[in-house]
Protein backbone atom coordinates (compact mmCIF):
# COMPACT_ATOMS: atom_id res chain seq x y z
CA MET A 1 -15.06 -20.13 25.63
CA ALA A 2 -14.78 -17.26 27.65
CA SER A 3 -10.72 -17.89 26.81
CA VAL A 4 -11.34 -18.25 23.08
CA VAL A 5 -12.78 -15.41 23.06
CA PRO A 6 -9.47 -13.24 24.76
CA ALA A 7 -7.06 -14.45 22.35
CA HIS A 8 -9.50 -13.61 19.44
CA LEU A 9 -9.70 -10.13 21.05
CA ASP A 10 -5.69 -10.51 21.39
CA ARG A 11 -5.34 -11.26 17.55
CA ILE A 12 -7.46 -8.45 16.56
CA ARG A 13 -5.27 -6.43 18.20
CA ALA A 14 -2.33 -7.15 17.36
CA ALA A 15 -3.38 -6.68 13.67
CA MET A 16 -4.80 -3.60 13.96
CA ASP A 17 -1.41 -2.34 15.78
CA GLN A 18 0.68 -4.24 12.59
CA TYR A 19 -1.93 -2.96 9.75
CA GLN A 20 -4.02 -0.14 10.91
CA GLY A 21 -1.35 2.93 9.90
CA ARG A 22 -0.22 1.07 6.79
CA LEU A 23 -3.75 0.75 5.92
CA ILE A 24 -4.48 4.32 6.66
CA ALA A 25 -2.47 5.48 4.50
CA PHE A 26 -3.40 2.85 1.51
CA ALA A 27 -6.96 4.24 1.55
CA ALA A 28 -6.27 7.79 2.16
CA ARG A 29 -4.89 7.67 -1.66
CA ILE A 30 -7.53 6.16 -2.30
CA THR A 31 -10.15 8.19 -1.12
CA GLY A 32 -7.92 10.88 -1.20
CA ASP A 33 -9.31 12.37 1.93
CA LEU A 34 -7.86 11.07 5.62
CA GLU A 35 -11.12 11.40 7.58
CA SER A 36 -12.78 8.82 5.37
CA ALA A 37 -9.71 5.55 5.45
CA ARG A 38 -10.15 5.97 8.92
CA ASP A 39 -13.12 5.55 8.84
CA VAL A 40 -13.17 2.48 6.21
CA VAL A 41 -9.78 0.91 7.96
CA GLN A 42 -12.27 1.32 11.07
CA ASP A 43 -14.88 -0.65 9.30
CA THR A 44 -12.05 -3.48 7.65
CA PHE A 45 -10.55 -3.70 11.22
CA LEU A 46 -14.91 -4.06 12.38
CA ARG A 47 -15.47 -7.20 9.88
CA LEU A 48 -12.57 -9.12 10.90
CA CYS A 49 -13.87 -9.73 14.22
CA GLN A 50 -16.94 -11.15 12.56
CA GLN A 51 -13.80 -13.37 10.55
CA ASP A 52 -13.62 -16.71 11.94
CA MET A 53 -9.51 -15.51 12.86
CA ASP A 54 -7.94 -19.21 12.11
CA ALA A 55 -9.44 -19.18 8.69
CA ILE A 56 -8.24 -16.27 7.49
CA ALA A 57 -4.41 -16.31 9.53
CA ASP A 58 -2.87 -17.45 6.41
CA HIS A 59 -3.65 -14.03 4.52
CA LEU A 60 -4.13 -11.75 6.48
CA PRO A 61 -2.66 -9.48 4.94
CA ALA A 62 -3.91 -9.59 2.10
CA TRP A 63 -7.33 -10.27 3.20
CA LEU A 64 -7.28 -7.07 5.08
CA PHE A 65 -5.64 -4.68 2.02
CA ARG A 66 -8.73 -5.90 -0.32
CA VAL A 67 -11.13 -5.21 2.60
CA CYS A 68 -9.87 -1.58 3.16
CA ARG A 69 -9.50 -1.67 -0.90
CA ASN A 70 -13.40 -2.50 -1.56
CA ARG A 71 -14.73 0.09 0.97
CA ALA A 72 -12.54 2.82 0.26
CA LEU A 73 -13.42 1.98 -3.28
CA ASP A 74 -16.79 2.03 -2.43
CA VAL A 75 -16.27 5.56 -0.45
CA ARG A 76 -14.87 7.85 -3.50
CA LYS A 77 -17.47 5.70 -6.06
CA LYS A 78 -19.78 6.96 -3.03
CA GLU A 79 -18.50 11.10 -2.80
CA GLY A 80 -16.93 11.50 -6.08
CA PRO A 81 -12.93 11.53 -6.14
CA LEU A 82 -11.63 13.66 -4.13
CA GLU A 83 -7.83 15.39 -4.21
CA PRO A 84 -5.52 12.76 -3.80
CA PHE A 85 -3.24 11.60 -0.89
CA ASP A 86 -0.17 13.60 -0.42
CA ASP A 87 2.12 10.46 -0.91
CA ALA A 88 5.11 12.93 0.18
CA ALA A 89 3.81 13.18 3.46
CA ASP A 90 4.17 8.90 3.49
CA ALA A 91 7.77 9.05 2.20
CA PRO A 92 10.30 8.89 4.38
CA THR A 93 12.04 11.45 6.07
CA HIS A 94 14.86 10.33 8.48
CA GLY A 95 18.21 8.20 6.80
CA VAL A 96 20.48 6.18 8.58
CA SER A 97 22.98 9.47 7.43
CA LEU A 98 22.39 12.79 10.02
CA ASP A 99 23.89 14.78 6.63
CA PRO A 100 21.74 17.39 6.00
CA HIS A 101 22.70 17.19 2.03
CA ARG A 102 22.52 13.20 2.15
CA LEU A 103 18.84 13.94 3.41
CA LEU A 104 18.32 16.41 1.15
CA GLU A 105 18.86 14.67 -2.14
CA GLN A 106 16.95 11.27 -0.97
CA SER A 107 14.06 13.31 0.01
CA GLU A 108 13.98 14.64 -3.10
CA ALA A 109 15.36 11.59 -4.48
CA ALA A 110 11.45 9.98 -3.47
CA ARG A 111 9.44 13.61 -4.94
CA ARG A 112 11.02 12.71 -7.91
CA VAL A 113 10.66 9.35 -8.06
CA LEU A 114 6.54 9.38 -6.58
CA ALA A 115 6.23 12.01 -9.30
CA ALA A 116 7.04 9.38 -11.69
CA VAL A 117 4.59 6.18 -10.32
CA ALA A 118 1.99 9.27 -9.88
CA ASP A 119 2.78 9.25 -14.28
CA LEU A 120 1.48 5.62 -14.38
CA PRO A 121 -1.93 4.32 -14.79
CA PRO A 122 -3.76 3.22 -11.56
CA ALA A 123 -3.58 -0.91 -12.24
CA GLN A 124 0.36 0.10 -11.88
CA GLN A 125 0.59 2.71 -9.84
CA GLU A 126 -2.06 0.18 -6.66
CA VAL A 127 0.45 -3.21 -7.55
CA LEU A 128 3.52 -0.92 -7.44
CA ARG A 129 2.48 0.68 -4.11
CA LEU A 130 1.15 -2.28 -2.51
CA ARG A 131 4.24 -4.19 -3.75
CA PHE A 132 7.39 -1.22 -2.86
CA GLN A 133 5.20 0.70 0.22
CA GLU A 134 2.65 -2.09 1.50
CA GLU A 135 5.95 -4.86 1.11
CA LEU A 136 2.54 -7.27 -0.19
CA SER A 137 3.89 -10.71 -2.49
CA TYR A 138 2.55 -10.33 -5.93
CA LYS A 139 -0.19 -13.63 -4.49
CA GLU A 140 -1.13 -11.32 -1.89
CA ILE A 141 -1.27 -8.40 -4.30
CA SER A 142 -3.37 -10.86 -6.57
CA ALA A 143 -6.03 -10.85 -3.78
CA VAL A 144 -6.70 -7.55 -3.23
CA THR A 145 -6.92 -6.78 -6.88
CA GLY A 146 -8.58 -10.11 -8.27
CA HIS A 147 -5.53 -9.83 -10.90
CA SER A 148 -4.04 -13.04 -11.50
CA VAL A 149 -0.53 -13.44 -10.21
CA SER A 150 0.66 -13.19 -13.93
CA SER A 151 -1.22 -10.01 -14.82
CA VAL A 152 0.61 -8.79 -11.14
CA GLY A 153 3.96 -9.27 -12.37
CA PHE A 154 3.67 -8.28 -15.41
CA LEU A 155 1.71 -4.64 -14.42
CA ILE A 156 5.13 -4.46 -11.70
CA HIS A 157 7.24 -5.37 -14.36
CA THR A 158 6.81 -2.37 -16.63
CA GLY A 159 5.57 -0.65 -13.94
CA VAL A 160 9.19 0.07 -12.36
CA HIS A 161 11.12 0.09 -16.64
CA ARG A 162 8.59 2.89 -17.36
CA VAL A 163 9.50 4.64 -13.33
CA ARG A 164 13.44 3.82 -14.90
CA ARG A 165 13.25 5.17 -17.82
CA GLN A 166 11.73 7.95 -16.86
CA MET A 167 13.47 8.92 -13.39
CA GLN A 168 16.54 8.08 -16.40
CA ALA A 169 15.50 11.21 -18.54
CA VAL A 170 15.93 12.89 -14.94
CA SER A 171 19.23 12.39 -14.16
CA PRO A 172 21.17 9.69 -16.31
CA ALA A 173 22.33 7.53 -13.22
CA ALA A 174 19.46 7.52 -11.19
CA ALA A 175 18.14 3.92 -10.74
CA PRO A 176 14.98 3.96 -9.11
CA LEU A 177 13.08 0.70 -7.82
CA GLN A 178 15.23 -2.51 -7.84
CA GLY A 179 13.16 -5.18 -9.19
CA GLY A 180 11.37 -7.60 -5.99
CA ARG A 181 10.42 -11.35 -4.41
CA LYS A 182 7.79 -12.85 -6.97
CA GLY A 183 6.25 -14.13 -3.24
CA ALA A 184 3.85 -16.76 -1.80
């Protein structure tokens, strides 16, 4: 039995290493507060410690994001709405090219896309972030949000379409957000 506990802890540590930063950013977008987000993620991993890892291993990312989301929504409801977390801080500021002009163009394009996403209804924002920032499959997003897989697909499709239209209105050559894979 002693070998089971270290294996369980190793799996939890691996999950923390892989998902902690992503979950904090995700929770911060919901709560609007980094400290609250850290508390939410700590609660999420405490709940993971109480779970049978074998029972959730095949859907661990969806489980983590769902628990984190639900806890963050509870915190937001209890503490009231705060200012949203600054997505620009999450946007990558480095690229393959070290050309400062290219980096500036990429950074500006990312800011425009994030601004366009911020204008979407909350459900579309959430599924787009889960799909493109967190790289979850439609099925995983469905498990996190409670929307059906077809609703997730519809929300993503219409959200991408609206962002693309808004970006093209600003710059006709812009074509943000390439379509993602529907996944298991």
